[in-house]
C-alpha atoms as a PDB file:
ATOM      1  CA  MET A   1     151.380 185.874 171.169  1.00  0.00           C
ATOM      2  CA  VAL A   2     150.729 188.284 173.988  1.00  0.00           C
ATOM      3  CA  VAL A   3     153.070 190.986 175.164  1.00  0.00           C
ATOM      4  CA  ARG A   4     153.386 190.823 178.937  1.00  0.00           C
ATOM      5  CA  VAL A   5     154.733 193.767 180.915  1.00  0.00           C
ATOM      6  CA  PHE A   6     155.821 192.914 184.441  1.00  0.00           C
ATOM      7  CA  ILE A   7     155.264 195.920 186.701  1.00  0.00           C
ATOM      8  CA  ALA A   8     155.268 196.761 190.398  1.00  0.00           C
ATOM      9  CA  SER A   9     152.133 198.694 191.338  1.00  0.00           C
ATOM     10  CA  SER A  10     153.375 199.579 194.804  1.00  0.00           C
ATOM     11  CA  SER A  11     156.916 200.623 193.970  1.00  0.00           C
ATOM     12  CA  GLY A  12     158.361 203.436 196.041  1.00  0.00           C
ATOM     13  CA  SER A  13     160.686 204.447 193.218  1.00  0.00           C
ATOM     14  CA  VAL A  14     159.563 207.333 191.025  1.00  0.00           C
ATOM     15  CA  VAL A  15     161.970 206.196 188.301  1.00  0.00           C
ATOM     16  CA  ILE A  16     160.397 202.730 188.146  1.00  0.00           C
ATOM     17  CA  LYS A  17     156.884 204.209 188.058  1.00  0.00           C
ATOM     18  CA  LYS A  18     157.782 206.580 185.213  1.00  0.00           C
ATOM     19  CA  ARG A  19     159.419 203.802 183.219  1.00  0.00           C
ATOM     20  CA  GLN A  20     156.374 201.565 183.670  1.00  0.00           C
ATOM     21  CA  GLN A  21     154.081 204.409 182.594  1.00  0.00           C
ATOM     22  CA  ALA A  22     156.231 205.092 179.525  1.00  0.00           C
ATOM     23  CA  ILE A  23     156.023 201.490 178.336  1.00  0.00           C
ATOM     24  CA  VAL A  24     152.321 201.034 179.088  1.00  0.00           C
ATOM     25  CA  GLY A  25     151.494 204.419 177.554  1.00  0.00           C
ATOM     26  CA  PHE A  26     153.374 203.575 174.359  1.00  0.00           C
ATOM     27  CA  LEU A  27     151.650 200.212 174.021  1.00  0.00           C
ATOM     28  CA  GLU A  28     148.224 201.761 174.614  1.00  0.00           C
ATOM     29  CA  ALA A  29     148.853 204.643 172.207  1.00  0.00           C
ATOM     30  CA  ASN A  30     149.909 202.234 169.471  1.00  0.00           C
ATOM     31  CA  ARG A  31     147.052 199.840 170.240  1.00  0.00           C
ATOM     32  CA  ILE A  32     149.371 196.955 170.888  1.00  0.00           C
ATOM     33  CA  PRO A  33     147.562 194.327 172.962  1.00  0.00           C
ATOM     34  CA  PHE A  34     149.379 193.591 176.181  1.00  0.00           C
ATOM     35  CA  GLU A  35     148.894 192.194 179.651  1.00  0.00           C
ATOM     36  CA  GLU A  36     150.141 193.902 182.801  1.00  0.00           C
ATOM     37  CA  VAL A  37     151.454 191.466 185.382  1.00  0.00           C
ATOM     38  CA  ASP A  38     151.799 192.971 188.845  1.00  0.00           C
ATOM     39  CA  ILE A  39     154.674 191.228 190.621  1.00  0.00           C
ATOM     40  CA  THR A  40     153.824 192.818 193.964  1.00  0.00           C
ATOM     41  CA  MET A  41     150.484 191.021 194.110  1.00  0.00           C
ATOM     42  CA  ARG A  42     151.434 187.609 192.755  1.00  0.00           C
ATOM     43  CA  GLU A  43     154.592 186.090 194.126  1.00  0.00           C
ATOM     44  CA  GLU A  44     154.609 183.163 191.677  1.00  0.00           C
ATOM     45  CA  GLN A  45     154.652 185.643 188.772  1.00  0.00           C
ATOM     46  CA  ARG A  46     157.615 187.477 190.318  1.00  0.00           C
ATOM     47  CA  PHE A  47     159.565 184.212 190.618  1.00  0.00           C
ATOM     48  CA  TRP A  48     158.588 183.269 187.053  1.00  0.00           C
ATOM     49  CA  MET A  49     159.901 186.643 185.828  1.00  0.00           C
ATOM     50  CA  TYR A  50     163.196 186.218 187.747  1.00  0.00           C
ATOM     51  CA  GLN A  51     163.731 182.734 186.321  1.00  0.00           C
ATOM     52  CA  HIS A  52     163.058 183.715 182.696  1.00  0.00           C
ATOM     53  CA  ILE A  53     165.298 186.774 182.529  1.00  0.00           C
ATOM     54  CA  PRO A  54     168.681 185.831 180.997  1.00  0.00           C
ATOM     55  CA  GLU A  55     171.642 185.759 183.380  1.00  0.00           C
ATOM     56  CA  ASP A  56     173.429 188.578 181.566  1.00  0.00           C
ATOM     57  CA  LYS A  57     170.469 190.885 182.370  1.00  0.00           C
ATOM     58  CA  HIS A  58     170.598 190.194 186.123  1.00  0.00           C
ATOM     59  CA  PRO A  59     172.190 192.949 188.219  1.00  0.00           C
ATOM     60  CA  GLU A  60     175.328 192.173 190.224  1.00  0.00           C
ATOM     61  CA  LYS A  61     173.365 192.504 193.460  1.00  0.00           C
ATOM     62  CA  GLY A  62     169.703 191.764 194.018  1.00  0.00           C
ATOM     63  CA  ASN A  63     167.001 190.889 191.522  1.00  0.00           C
ATOM     64  CA  PRO A  64     166.023 192.475 188.200  1.00  0.00           C
ATOM     65  CA  LEU A  65     163.659 195.414 188.657  1.00  0.00           C
ATOM     66  CA  PRO A  66     160.467 196.076 186.741  1.00  0.00           C
ATOM     67  CA  PRO A  67     159.423 196.887 184.143  1.00  0.00           C
ATOM     68  CA  GLN A  68     160.402 193.739 182.271  1.00  0.00           C
ATOM     69  CA  ILE A  69     158.844 192.811 178.919  1.00  0.00           C
ATOM     70  CA  PHE A  70     158.067 189.351 177.560  1.00  0.00           C
ATOM     71  CA  ASN A  71     156.258 188.045 174.514  1.00  0.00           C
ATOM     72  CA  ASP A  72     154.584 184.925 175.870  1.00  0.00           C
ATOM     73  CA  GLN A  73     157.542 182.950 177.274  1.00  0.00           C
ATOM     74  CA  GLN A  74     160.255 184.850 175.362  1.00  0.00           C
ATOM     75  CA  TYR A  75     162.167 187.609 177.109  1.00  0.00           C
ATOM     76  CA  CYS A  76     162.185 190.862 175.123  1.00  0.00           C
ATOM     77  CA  GLY A  77     164.037 193.161 177.497  1.00  0.00           C
ATOM     78  CA  ASP A  78     163.848 195.801 180.185  1.00  0.00           C
ATOM     79  CA  TYR A  79     163.159 199.528 179.975  1.00  0.00           C
ATOM     80  CA  GLU A  80     166.594 200.356 178.569  1.00  0.00           C
ATOM     81  CA  ASP A  81     166.157 197.820 175.749  1.00  0.00           C
ATOM     82  CA  PHE A  82     162.650 199.140 175.056  1.00  0.00           C
ATOM     83  CA  PHE A  83     163.922 202.725 174.969  1.00  0.00           C
ATOM     84  CA  GLN A  84     166.661 201.800 172.480  1.00  0.00           C
ATOM     85  CA  ALA A  85     164.147 200.014 170.261  1.00  0.00           C
ATOM     86  CA  LYS A  86     161.848 203.029 170.395  1.00  0.00           C
ATOM     87  CA  GLU A  87     164.701 205.377 169.457  1.00  0.00           C
ATOM     88  CA  ASN A  88     165.703 203.083 166.569  1.00  0.00           C
ATOM     89  CA  ASN A  89     162.076 202.665 165.458  1.00  0.00           C
ATOM     90  CA  THR A  90     162.303 198.878 165.918  1.00  0.00           C
ATOM     91  CA  VAL A  91     159.735 198.379 168.683  1.00  0.00           C
ATOM     92  CA  PHE A  92     157.747 195.728 166.797  1.00  0.00           C
ATOM     93  CA  LEU A  93     160.912 193.758 166.139  1.00  0.00           C
ATOM     94  CA  PHE A  94     161.901 194.173 169.807  1.00  0.00           C
ATOM     95  CA  LEU A  95     158.460 192.909 170.931  1.00  0.00           C
ATOM     96  CA  ARG A  96     158.677 190.052 168.403  1.00  0.00           C
ATOM     97  CA  LEU A  97     155.481 191.211 166.700  1.00  0.00           C
ATOM     98  CA  PRO A  98     154.623 191.501 163.013  1.00  0.00           C
ATOM     99  CA  THR A  99     154.627 195.007 161.580  1.00  0.00           C
ATOM    100  CA  HIS A 100     151.757 197.138 162.867  1.00  0.00           C
ATOM    101  CA  PRO A 101     148.756 197.023 160.444  1.00  0.00           C
ATOM    102  CA  SER A 102     148.426 200.813 160.371  1.00  0.00           C
ATOM    103  CA  VAL A 103     151.979 201.054 158.995  1.00  0.00           C
ATOM    104  CA  GLN A 104     151.209 198.610 156.178  1.00  0.00           C
ATOM    105  CA  ASP A 105     148.037 200.455 155.174  1.00  0.00           C
ATOM    106  CA  SER A 106     149.431 203.967 155.603  1.00  0.00           C
ATOM    107  CA  ASN A 107     149.928 204.608 151.884  1.00  0.00           C
ATOM    108  CA  ALA A 108     146.369 203.617 151.017  1.00  0.00           C
ATOM    109  CA  SER A 109     144.794 205.572 153.848  1.00  0.00           C
ATOM    110  CA  SER A 110     146.882 208.715 153.346  1.00  0.00           C
ATOM    111  CA  SER A 111     145.892 208.975 149.678  1.00  0.00           C
ATOM    112  CA  ARG A 112     142.252 208.474 150.658  1.00  0.00           C
ATOM    113  CA  PHE A 113     142.328 211.409 153.107  1.00  0.00           C
ATOM    114  CA  LEU A 114     144.449 213.748 151.006  1.00  0.00           C
ATOM    115  CA  PRO A 115     141.567 215.200 148.947  1.00  0.00           C
ATOM    116  CA  LEU A 116     139.578 215.965 152.095  1.00  0.00           C
ATOM    117  CA  PHE A 117     142.604 217.621 153.698  1.00  0.00           C
ATOM    118  CA  ALA A 118     143.210 219.639 150.548  1.00  0.00           C
ATOM    119  CA  LYS A 119     139.587 220.776 150.543  1.00  0.00           C
ATOM    120  CA  LEU A 120     139.739 221.889 154.159  1.00  0.00           C
ATOM    121  CA  HIS A 121     143.052 223.577 153.461  1.00  0.00           C
ATOM    122  CA  CYS A 122     141.356 225.550 150.649  1.00  0.00           C
ATOM    123  CA  VAL A 123     138.673 226.830 152.992  1.00  0.00           C
ATOM    124  CA  ARG A 124     141.131 227.883 155.665  1.00  0.00           C
ATOM    125  CA  HIS A 125     143.643 229.725 153.469  1.00  0.00           C
ATOM    126  CA  ARG A 126     143.316 232.444 150.887  1.00  0.00           C
ATOM    127  CA  THR A 127     142.536 231.215 147.403  1.00  0.00           C
ATOM    128  CA  GLU A 128     145.453 233.068 145.823  1.00  0.00           C
ATOM    129  CA  ASP A 129     147.974 231.312 148.061  1.00  0.00           C
ATOM    130  CA  TRP A 130     146.536 227.901 147.239  1.00  0.00           C
ATOM    131  CA  THR A 131     146.369 228.662 143.531  1.00  0.00           C
ATOM    132  CA  SER A 132     149.959 229.883 143.440  1.00  0.00           C
ATOM    133  CA  ARG A 133     151.206 226.765 145.227  1.00  0.00           C
ATOM    134  CA  THR A 134     149.174 224.177 143.305  1.00  0.00           C
ATOM    135  CA  GLY A 135     148.300 225.789 139.989  1.00  0.00           C
ATOM    136  CA  LEU A 136     144.616 224.978 140.610  1.00  0.00           C
ATOM    137  CA  ARG A 137     141.774 227.420 141.047  1.00  0.00           C
ATOM    138  CA  VAL A 138     139.517 226.967 144.039  1.00  0.00           C
ATOM    139  CA  GLU A 139     135.921 228.113 144.480  1.00  0.00           C
ATOM    140  CA  GLN A 140     135.283 230.444 147.364  1.00  0.00           C
ATOM    141  CA  HIS A 141     132.948 228.913 149.953  1.00  0.00           C
ATOM    142  CA  ARG A 142     133.715 231.127 152.902  1.00  0.00           C
ATOM    143  CA  ARG A 143     130.257 232.600 153.564  1.00  0.00           C
ATOM    144  CA  SER A 144     128.155 229.650 152.440  1.00  0.00           C
ATOM    145  CA  SER A 145     130.257 226.961 154.063  1.00  0.00           C
ATOM    146  CA  GLY A 146     128.636 226.912 157.496  1.00  0.00           C
ATOM    147  CA  THR A 147     130.200 225.137 160.459  1.00  0.00           C
ATOM    148  CA  GLY A 148     133.234 222.885 160.310  1.00  0.00           C
ATOM    149  CA  ALA A 149     131.013 219.790 160.460  1.00  0.00           C
ATOM    150  CA  GLN A 150     128.917 221.100 157.573  1.00  0.00           C
ATOM    151  CA  MET A 151     132.069 221.779 155.556  1.00  0.00           C
ATOM    152  CA  LEU A 152     133.224 218.212 156.176  1.00  0.00           C
ATOM    153  CA  GLU A 153     129.857 216.867 155.031  1.00  0.00           C
ATOM    154  CA  LYS A 154     129.968 219.032 151.909  1.00  0.00           C
ATOM    155  CA  ALA A 155     133.525 217.961 151.168  1.00  0.00           C
ATOM    156  CA  ALA A 156     132.722 214.282 151.548  1.00  0.00           C
ATOM    157  CA  GLY A 157     129.356 214.441 149.791  1.00  0.00           C
ATOM    158  CA  LYS A 158     130.246 216.598 146.772  1.00  0.00           C
ATOM    159  CA  GLU A 159     133.388 214.809 145.733  1.00  0.00           C
ATOM    160  CA  GLY A 160     133.308 213.750 142.087  1.00  0.00           C
ATOM    161  CA  GLU A 161     130.279 215.890 141.106  1.00  0.00           C
ATOM    162  CA  GLY A 162     132.125 218.518 139.102  1.00  0.00           C
ATOM    163  CA  GLY A 163     131.084 217.283 135.662  1.00  0.00           C
ATOM    164  CA  ASP A 164     134.601 216.413 134.561  1.00  0.00           C
ATOM    165  CA  GLY A 165     135.020 213.961 137.449  1.00  0.00           C
ATOM    166  CA  ALA A 166     136.903 216.491 139.595  1.00  0.00           C
ATOM    167  CA  PRO A 167     135.551 217.480 143.004  1.00  0.00           C
ATOM    168  CA  VAL A 168     133.337 220.564 143.070  1.00  0.00           C
ATOM    169  CA  TRP A 169     135.959 222.380 145.093  1.00  0.00           C
ATOM    170  CA  TRP A 170     138.334 222.394 142.099  1.00  0.00           C
ATOM    171  CA  GLN A 171     137.646 224.351 138.894  1.00  0.00           C
END
């Protein structure tokens, strides 16, 4: 299943260009594979698009304007439908796609990165503030920490070496 976005590369309308950019930008940012189909360059694709858009989506006068979105042969909608799906957080349902893999794995990945974030947070903020918020004491590494990259290496490499199984950064 491939998402196909029908666009017009040589449109004189700023509104159409911005709508096309919004859809393409969203798909790229969310790493959703898609194919751009330029209806100004391929007349047979323009006619195919016109024929596969439901009658209730046709304007009273003229032809439907891009951008139009399909998933293979199935019509998903136009920009207005896409915008509504985005606002309702139902874009994957709108595009007829399974849930995005990063959403399914978000709980596992967020817990994996939490200790590293907490360690960096300790370095950036005063120890007393962190201790008062968490109830944990934190070693001071301000002068011996080095650059940000070195701190990241230390944080990743020293995890679990605190004797009691806790990271070195916690006491």
